[in-house]
Amino acid sequence: MPPDLAKKVTNYIAALALEAGGAVDRDRPPPGDPTSGHARISIHIPGEPVILEYTVHHDVRAIRIPVVVWID
């Protein structure tokens, strides 16, 4: 992944964590589309060839990103 794209992805993940955390604190769904099993949430980074899948962990107040797909 090119360095400029990596920086954009990193900044997006930081903003996503804040947005997802705020949604969960307000009992709203986090941003993105739930996958078929609803364990993961899929989201496309607007304007970039990157898709993330993440999980929300209420007990430790965190999100985890097990999948990053960069479409080159």
PDB file of N, CA and C in Angstrom:
ATOM      1  N   MET A   1       0.849  -1.166   0.000  1.00  0.00           N
ATOM      2  CA  MET A   1       0.000   0.000   0.000  1.00  0.00           C
ATOM      3  C   MET A   1       0.904   1.241   0.000  1.00  0.00           C
ATOM      4  N   PRO A   2       0.629   2.166  -0.885  1.00  0.00           N
ATOM      5  CA  PRO A   2       1.449   3.377  -0.936  1.00  0.00           C
ATOM      6  C   PRO A   2       1.352   4.168   0.379  1.00  0.00           C
ATOM      7  N   PRO A   3       2.425   4.864   0.749  1.00  0.00           N
ATOM      8  CA  PRO A   3       2.439   5.594   2.019  1.00  0.00           C
ATOM      9  C   PRO A   3       1.300   6.611   2.174  1.00  0.00           C
ATOM     10  N   ASP A   4       0.952   7.320   1.105  1.00  0.00           N
ATOM     11  CA  ASP A   4      -0.121   8.309   1.234  1.00  0.00           C
ATOM     12  C   ASP A   4      -1.475   7.637   1.496  1.00  0.00           C
ATOM     13  N   LEU A   5      -1.716   6.492   0.868  1.00  0.00           N
ATOM     14  CA  LEU A   5      -2.947   5.748   1.118  1.00  0.00           C
ATOM     15  C   LEU A   5      -2.941   5.168   2.528  1.00  0.00           C
ATOM     16  N   ALA A   6      -1.805   4.672   2.968  1.00  0.00           N
ATOM     17  CA  ALA A   6      -1.699   4.130   4.329  1.00  0.00           C
ATOM     18  C   ALA A   6      -2.037   5.201   5.359  1.00  0.00           C
ATOM     19  N   LYS A   7      -1.583   6.424   5.139  1.00  0.00           N
ATOM     20  CA  LYS A   7      -1.894   7.524   6.061  1.00  0.00           C
ATOM     21  C   LYS A   7      -3.390   7.827   6.055  1.00  0.00           C
ATOM     22  N   LYS A   8      -4.011   7.831   4.868  1.00  0.00           N
ATOM     23  CA  LYS A   8      -5.454   8.068   4.777  1.00  0.00           C
ATOM     24  C   LYS A   8      -6.238   6.978   5.502  1.00  0.00           C
ATOM     25  N   VAL A   9      -5.804   5.734   5.333  1.00  0.00           N
ATOM     26  CA  VAL A   9      -6.480   4.613   5.995  1.00  0.00           C
ATOM     27  C   VAL A   9      -6.331   4.736   7.515  1.00  0.00           C
ATOM     28  N   THR A  10      -5.157   5.080   7.976  1.00  0.00           N
ATOM     29  CA  THR A  10      -4.917   5.246   9.410  1.00  0.00           C
ATOM     30  C   THR A  10      -5.803   6.345   9.980  1.00  0.00           C
ATOM     31  N   ASN A  11      -5.878   7.477   9.297  1.00  0.00           N
ATOM     32  CA  ASN A  11      -6.730   8.576   9.759  1.00  0.00           C
ATOM     33  C   ASN A  11      -8.206   8.177   9.758  1.00  0.00           C
ATOM     34  N   TYR A  12      -8.607   7.421   8.740  1.00  0.00           N
ATOM     35  CA  TYR A  12      -9.995   6.976   8.660  1.00  0.00           C
ATOM     36  C   TYR A  12     -10.317   6.034   9.823  1.00  0.00           C
ATOM     37  N   ILE A  13      -9.409   5.134  10.138  1.00  0.00           N
ATOM     38  CA  ILE A  13      -9.632   4.191  11.237  1.00  0.00           C
ATOM     39  C   ILE A  13      -9.774   4.933  12.561  1.00  0.00           C
ATOM     40  N   ALA A  14      -8.955   5.954  12.773  1.00  0.00           N
ATOM     41  CA  ALA A  14      -9.058   6.741  14.008  1.00  0.00           C
ATOM     42  C   ALA A  14     -10.423   7.416  14.101  1.00  0.00           C
ATOM     43  N   ALA A  15     -10.885   8.001  12.999  1.00  0.00           N
ATOM     44  CA  ALA A  15     -12.199   8.648  12.985  1.00  0.00           C
ATOM     45  C   ALA A  15     -13.317   7.620  13.143  1.00  0.00           C
ATOM     46  N   LEU A  16     -13.146   6.457  12.518  1.00  0.00           N
ATOM     47  CA  LEU A  16     -14.140   5.384  12.634  1.00  0.00           C
ATOM     48  C   LEU A  16     -14.288   4.932  14.076  1.00  0.00           C
ATOM     49  N   ALA A  17     -13.192   4.807  14.785  1.00  0.00           N
ATOM     50  CA  ALA A  17     -13.246   4.382  16.186  1.00  0.00           C
ATOM     51  C   ALA A  17     -14.074   5.364  17.012  1.00  0.00           C
ATOM     52  N   LEU A  18     -13.868   6.658  16.788  1.00  0.00           N
ATOM     53  CA  LEU A  18     -14.638   7.666  17.518  1.00  0.00           C
ATOM     54  C   LEU A  18     -16.122   7.607  17.147  1.00  0.00           C
ATOM     55  N   GLU A  19     -16.393   7.480  15.859  1.00  0.00           N
ATOM     56  CA  GLU A  19     -17.780   7.441  15.399  1.00  0.00           C
ATOM     57  C   GLU A  19     -18.499   6.182  15.874  1.00  0.00           C
ATOM     58  N   ALA A  20     -17.841   5.043  15.763  1.00  0.00           N
ATOM     59  CA  ALA A  20     -18.450   3.782  16.204  1.00  0.00           C
ATOM     60  C   ALA A  20     -18.674   3.797  17.713  1.00  0.00           C
ATOM     61  N   GLY A  21     -17.695   4.309  18.451  1.00  0.00           N
ATOM     62  CA  GLY A  21     -17.840   4.382  19.907  1.00  0.00           C
ATOM     63  C   GLY A  21     -18.988   5.282  20.314  1.00  0.00           C
ATOM     64  N   GLY A  22     -19.110   6.415  19.646  1.00  0.00           N
ATOM     65  CA  GLY A  22     -20.221   7.324  19.938  1.00  0.00           C
ATOM     66  C   GLY A  22     -21.565   6.695  19.637  1.00  0.00           C
ATOM     67  N   ALA A  23     -21.637   5.967  18.541  1.00  0.00           N
ATOM     68  CA  ALA A  23     -22.889   5.295  18.180  1.00  0.00           C
ATOM     69  C   ALA A  23     -23.260   4.246  19.225  1.00  0.00           C
ATOM     70  N   VAL A  24     -22.298   3.459  19.630  1.00  0.00           N
ATOM     71  CA  VAL A  24     -22.564   2.405  20.610  1.00  0.00           C
ATOM     72  C   VAL A  24     -22.976   3.016  21.943  1.00  0.00           C
ATOM     73  N   ASP A  25     -22.319   4.101  22.360  1.00  0.00           N
ATOM     74  CA  ASP A  25     -22.679   4.771  23.614  1.00  0.00           C
ATOM     75  C   ASP A  25     -24.113   5.285  23.591  1.00  0.00           C
ATOM     76  N   ARG A  26     -24.621   5.613  22.411  1.00  0.00           N
ATOM     77  CA  ARG A  26     -25.985   6.136  22.280  1.00  0.00           C
ATOM     78  C   ARG A  26     -26.989   5.054  21.854  1.00  0.00           C
ATOM     79  N   ASP A  27     -26.560   3.797  21.939  1.00  0.00           N
ATOM     80  CA  ASP A  27     -27.405   2.658  21.551  1.00  0.00           C
ATOM     81  C   ASP A  27     -27.884   2.751  20.109  1.00  0.00           C
ATOM     82  N   ARG A  28     -27.007   3.221  19.227  1.00  0.00           N
ATOM     83  CA  ARG A  28     -27.279   3.275  17.793  1.00  0.00           C
ATOM     84  C   ARG A  28     -26.347   2.298  17.085  1.00  0.00           C
ATOM     85  N   PRO A  29     -26.712   1.876  15.897  1.00  0.00           N
ATOM     86  CA  PRO A  29     -25.815   0.959  15.177  1.00  0.00           C
ATOM     87  C   PRO A  29     -24.549   1.688  14.727  1.00  0.00           C
ATOM     88  N   PRO A  30     -23.411   1.031  14.791  1.00  0.00           N
ATOM     89  CA  PRO A  30     -22.177   1.645  14.295  1.00  0.00           C
ATOM     90  C   PRO A  30     -22.213   1.771  12.772  1.00  0.00           C
ATOM     91  N   PRO A  31     -21.374   2.642  12.208  1.00  0.00           N
ATOM     92  CA  PRO A  31     -21.394   2.849  10.763  1.00  0.00           C
ATOM     93  C   PRO A  31     -20.982   1.602   9.988  1.00  0.00           C
ATOM     94  N   GLY A  32     -21.558   1.451   8.806  1.00  0.00           N
ATOM     95  CA  GLY A  32     -21.227   0.324   7.944  1.00  0.00           C
ATOM     96  C   GLY A  32     -22.387  -0.631   7.810  1.00  0.00           C
ATOM     97  N   ASP A  33     -22.117  -1.726   7.125  1.00  0.00           N
ATOM     98  CA  ASP A  33     -23.128  -2.738   6.856  1.00  0.00           C
ATOM     99  C   ASP A  33     -22.785  -4.028   7.594  1.00  0.00           C
ATOM    100  N   PRO A  34     -23.696  -4.521   8.447  1.00  0.00           N
ATOM    101  CA  PRO A  34     -23.437  -5.791   9.125  1.00  0.00           C
ATOM    102  C   PRO A  34     -23.271  -6.921   8.106  1.00  0.00           C
ATOM    103  N   THR A  35     -22.345  -7.819   8.370  1.00  0.00           N
ATOM    104  CA  THR A  35     -22.172  -8.988   7.513  1.00  0.00           C
ATOM    105  C   THR A  35     -23.288  -9.976   7.812  1.00  0.00           C
ATOM    106  N   SER A  36     -23.337 -11.053   7.084  1.00  0.00           N
ATOM    107  CA  SER A  36     -24.446 -12.005   7.203  1.00  0.00           C
ATOM    108  C   SER A  36     -24.608 -12.550   8.623  1.00  0.00           C
ATOM    109  N   GLY A  37     -23.516 -12.747   9.332  1.00  0.00           N
ATOM    110  CA  GLY A  37     -23.612 -13.257  10.701  1.00  0.00           C
ATOM    111  C   GLY A  37     -23.744 -12.162  11.739  1.00  0.00           C
ATOM    112  N   HIS A  38     -23.685 -10.919  11.324  1.00  0.00           N
ATOM    113  CA  HIS A  38     -23.783  -9.737  12.182  1.00  0.00           C
ATOM    114  C   HIS A  38     -22.653  -9.615  13.191  1.00  0.00           C
ATOM    115  N   ALA A  39     -21.635 -10.444  13.100  1.00  0.00           N
ATOM    116  CA  ALA A  39     -20.503 -10.331  14.015  1.00  0.00           C
ATOM    117  C   ALA A  39     -19.548  -9.235  13.554  1.00  0.00           C
ATOM    118  N   ARG A  40     -19.457  -9.055  12.241  1.00  0.00           N
ATOM    119  CA  ARG A  40     -18.560  -8.038  11.686  1.00  0.00           C
ATOM    120  C   ARG A  40     -19.361  -6.995  10.932  1.00  0.00           C
ATOM    121  N   ILE A  41     -18.755  -5.831  10.825  1.00  0.00           N
ATOM    122  CA  ILE A  41     -19.366  -4.734  10.080  1.00  0.00           C
ATOM    123  C   ILE A  41     -18.414  -4.369   8.953  1.00  0.00           C
ATOM    124  N   SER A  42     -18.942  -4.260   7.757  1.00  0.00           N
ATOM    125  CA  SER A  42     -18.145  -3.940   6.578  1.00  0.00           C
ATOM    126  C   SER A  42     -18.355  -2.475   6.216  1.00  0.00           C
ATOM    127  N   ILE A  43     -17.267  -1.806   5.848  1.00  0.00           N
ATOM    128  CA  ILE A  43     -17.362  -0.404   5.458  1.00  0.00           C
ATOM    129  C   ILE A  43     -16.310  -0.092   4.404  1.00  0.00           C
ATOM    130  N   HIS A  44     -16.704   0.695   3.420  1.00  0.00           N
ATOM    131  CA  HIS A  44     -15.807   1.116   2.345  1.00  0.00           C
ATOM    132  C   HIS A  44     -15.306   2.520   2.682  1.00  0.00           C
ATOM    133  N   ILE A  45     -14.021   2.758   2.555  1.00  0.00           N
ATOM    134  CA  ILE A  45     -13.482   4.093   2.789  1.00  0.00           C
ATOM    135  C   ILE A  45     -13.814   4.936   1.560  1.00  0.00           C
ATOM    136  N   PRO A  46     -14.618   5.972   1.740  1.00  0.00           N
ATOM    137  CA  PRO A  46     -15.064   6.774   0.588  1.00  0.00           C
ATOM    138  C   PRO A  46     -13.897   7.342  -0.223  1.00  0.00           C
ATOM    139  N   GLY A  47     -13.973   7.135  -1.527  1.00  0.00           N
ATOM    140  CA  GLY A  47     -12.964   7.674  -2.436  1.00  0.00           C
ATOM    141  C   GLY A  47     -11.659   6.903  -2.482  1.00  0.00           C
ATOM    142  N   GLU A  48     -11.580   5.814  -1.758  1.00  0.00           N
ATOM    143  CA  GLU A  48     -10.350   5.018  -1.721  1.00  0.00           C
ATOM    144  C   GLU A  48     -10.663   3.556  -2.046  1.00  0.00           C
ATOM    145  N   PRO A  49      -9.689   2.826  -2.573  1.00  0.00           N
ATOM    146  CA  PRO A  49      -9.926   1.420  -2.923  1.00  0.00           C
ATOM    147  C   PRO A  49      -9.699   0.482  -1.736  1.00  0.00           C
ATOM    148  N   VAL A  50     -10.338   0.802  -0.608  1.00  0.00           N
ATOM    149  CA  VAL A  50     -10.112   0.032   0.621  1.00  0.00           C
ATOM    150  C   VAL A  50     -11.448  -0.280   1.282  1.00  0.00           C
ATOM    151  N   ILE A  51     -11.583  -1.534   1.694  1.00  0.00           N
ATOM    152  CA  ILE A  51     -12.747  -1.993   2.446  1.00  0.00           C
ATOM    153  C   ILE A  51     -12.245  -2.559   3.766  1.00  0.00           C
ATOM    154  N   LEU A  52     -12.939  -2.223   4.856  1.00  0.00           N
ATOM    155  CA  LEU A  52     -12.593  -2.737   6.181  1.00  0.00           C
ATOM    156  C   LEU A  52     -13.730  -3.593   6.705  1.00  0.00           C
ATOM    157  N   GLU A  53     -13.392  -4.573   7.511  1.00  0.00           N
ATOM    158  CA  GLU A  53     -14.375  -5.273   8.327  1.00  0.00           C
ATOM    159  C   GLU A  53     -13.917  -5.102   9.758  1.00  0.00           C
ATOM    160  N   TYR A  54     -14.852  -4.724  10.626  1.00  0.00           N
ATOM    161  CA  TYR A  54     -14.479  -4.529  12.024  1.00  0.00           C
ATOM    162  C   TYR A  54     -15.521  -5.130  12.950  1.00  0.00           C
ATOM    163  N   THR A  55     -15.120  -5.320  14.182  1.00  0.00           N
ATOM    164  CA  THR A  55     -16.012  -5.812  15.227  1.00  0.00           C
ATOM    165  C   THR A  55     -16.007  -4.803  16.361  1.00  0.00           C
ATOM    166  N   VAL A  56     -17.132  -4.729  17.061  1.00  0.00           N
ATOM    167  CA  VAL A  56     -17.257  -3.836  18.212  1.00  0.00           C
ATOM    168  C   VAL A  56     -17.212  -4.682  19.469  1.00  0.00           C
ATOM    169  N   HIS A  57     -16.382  -4.261  20.432  1.00  0.00           N
ATOM    170  CA  HIS A  57     -16.233  -4.988  21.693  1.00  0.00           C
ATOM    171  C   HIS A  57     -16.625  -4.061  22.837  1.00  0.00           C
ATOM    172  N   HIS A  58     -17.871  -4.228  23.281  1.00  0.00           N
ATOM    173  CA  HIS A  58     -18.416  -3.357  24.321  1.00  0.00           C
ATOM    174  C   HIS A  58     -17.660  -3.498  25.637  1.00  0.00           C
ATOM    175  N   ASP A  59     -17.243  -4.714  25.969  1.00  0.00           N
ATOM    176  CA  ASP A  59     -16.613  -4.966  27.264  1.00  0.00           C
ATOM    177  C   ASP A  59     -15.304  -4.204  27.461  1.00  0.00           C
ATOM    178  N   VAL A  60     -14.552  -4.004  26.405  1.00  0.00           N
ATOM    179  CA  VAL A  60     -13.276  -3.281  26.504  1.00  0.00           C
ATOM    180  C   VAL A  60     -13.327  -1.937  25.788  1.00  0.00           C
ATOM    181  N   ARG A  61     -14.543  -1.558  25.335  1.00  0.00           N
ATOM    182  CA  ARG A  61     -14.763  -0.278  24.654  1.00  0.00           C
ATOM    183  C   ARG A  61     -13.753  -0.078  23.525  1.00  0.00           C
ATOM    184  N   ALA A  62     -13.772  -1.030  22.587  1.00  0.00           N
ATOM    185  CA  ALA A  62     -12.814  -0.996  21.477  1.00  0.00           C
ATOM    186  C   ALA A  62     -13.456  -1.554  20.211  1.00  0.00           C
ATOM    187  N   ILE A  63     -12.832  -1.217  19.081  1.00  0.00           N
ATOM    188  CA  ILE A  63     -13.145  -1.901  17.843  1.00  0.00           C
ATOM    189  C   ILE A  63     -11.883  -2.649  17.424  1.00  0.00           C
ATOM    190  N   ARG A  64     -12.090  -3.734  16.725  1.00  0.00           N
ATOM    191  CA  ARG A  64     -10.961  -4.501  16.179  1.00  0.00           C
ATOM    192  C   ARG A  64     -11.192  -4.664  14.692  1.00  0.00           C
ATOM    193  N   ILE A  65     -10.108  -4.559  13.938  1.00  0.00           N
ATOM    194  CA  ILE A  65     -10.204  -4.630  12.480  1.00  0.00           C
ATOM    195  C   ILE A  65      -9.455  -5.869  11.997  1.00  0.00           C
ATOM    196  N   PRO A  66     -10.178  -6.987  11.817  1.00  0.00           N
ATOM    197  CA  PRO A  66      -9.501  -8.209  11.378  1.00  0.00           C
ATOM    198  C   PRO A  66      -9.272  -8.277   9.870  1.00  0.00           C
ATOM    199  N   VAL A  67      -9.998  -7.430   9.085  1.00  0.00           N
ATOM    200  CA  VAL A  67      -9.876  -7.511   7.637  1.00  0.00           C
ATOM    201  C   VAL A  67      -9.705  -6.121   7.038  1.00  0.00           C
ATOM    202  N   VAL A  68      -8.640  -5.966   6.247  1.00  0.00           N
ATOM    203  CA  VAL A  68      -8.431  -4.767   5.439  1.00  0.00           C
ATOM    204  C   VAL A  68      -8.175  -5.252   4.011  1.00  0.00           C
ATOM    205  N   VAL A  69      -9.038  -4.827   3.090  1.00  0.00           N
ATOM    206  CA  VAL A  69      -8.890  -5.233   1.694  1.00  0.00           C
ATOM    207  C   VAL A  69      -8.529  -4.004   0.886  1.00  0.00           C
ATOM    208  N   TRP A  70      -7.357  -4.064   0.272  1.00  0.00           N
ATOM    209  CA  TRP A  70      -6.897  -2.989  -0.616  1.00  0.00           C
ATOM    210  C   TRP A  70      -7.018  -3.509  -2.028  1.00  0.00           C
ATOM    211  N   ILE A  71      -7.838  -2.852  -2.828  1.00  0.00           N
ATOM    212  CA  ILE A  71      -8.079  -3.287  -4.199  1.00  0.00           C
ATOM    213  C   ILE A  71      -7.150  -2.479  -5.095  1.00  0.00           C
ATOM    214  N   ASP A  72      -6.126  -3.130  -5.598  1.00  0.00           N
ATOM    215  CA  ASP A  72      -5.127  -2.460  -6.418  1.00  0.00           C
ATOM    216  C   ASP A  72      -5.393  -2.661  -7.879  1.00  0.00           C
TER     217      ASP A  72
END
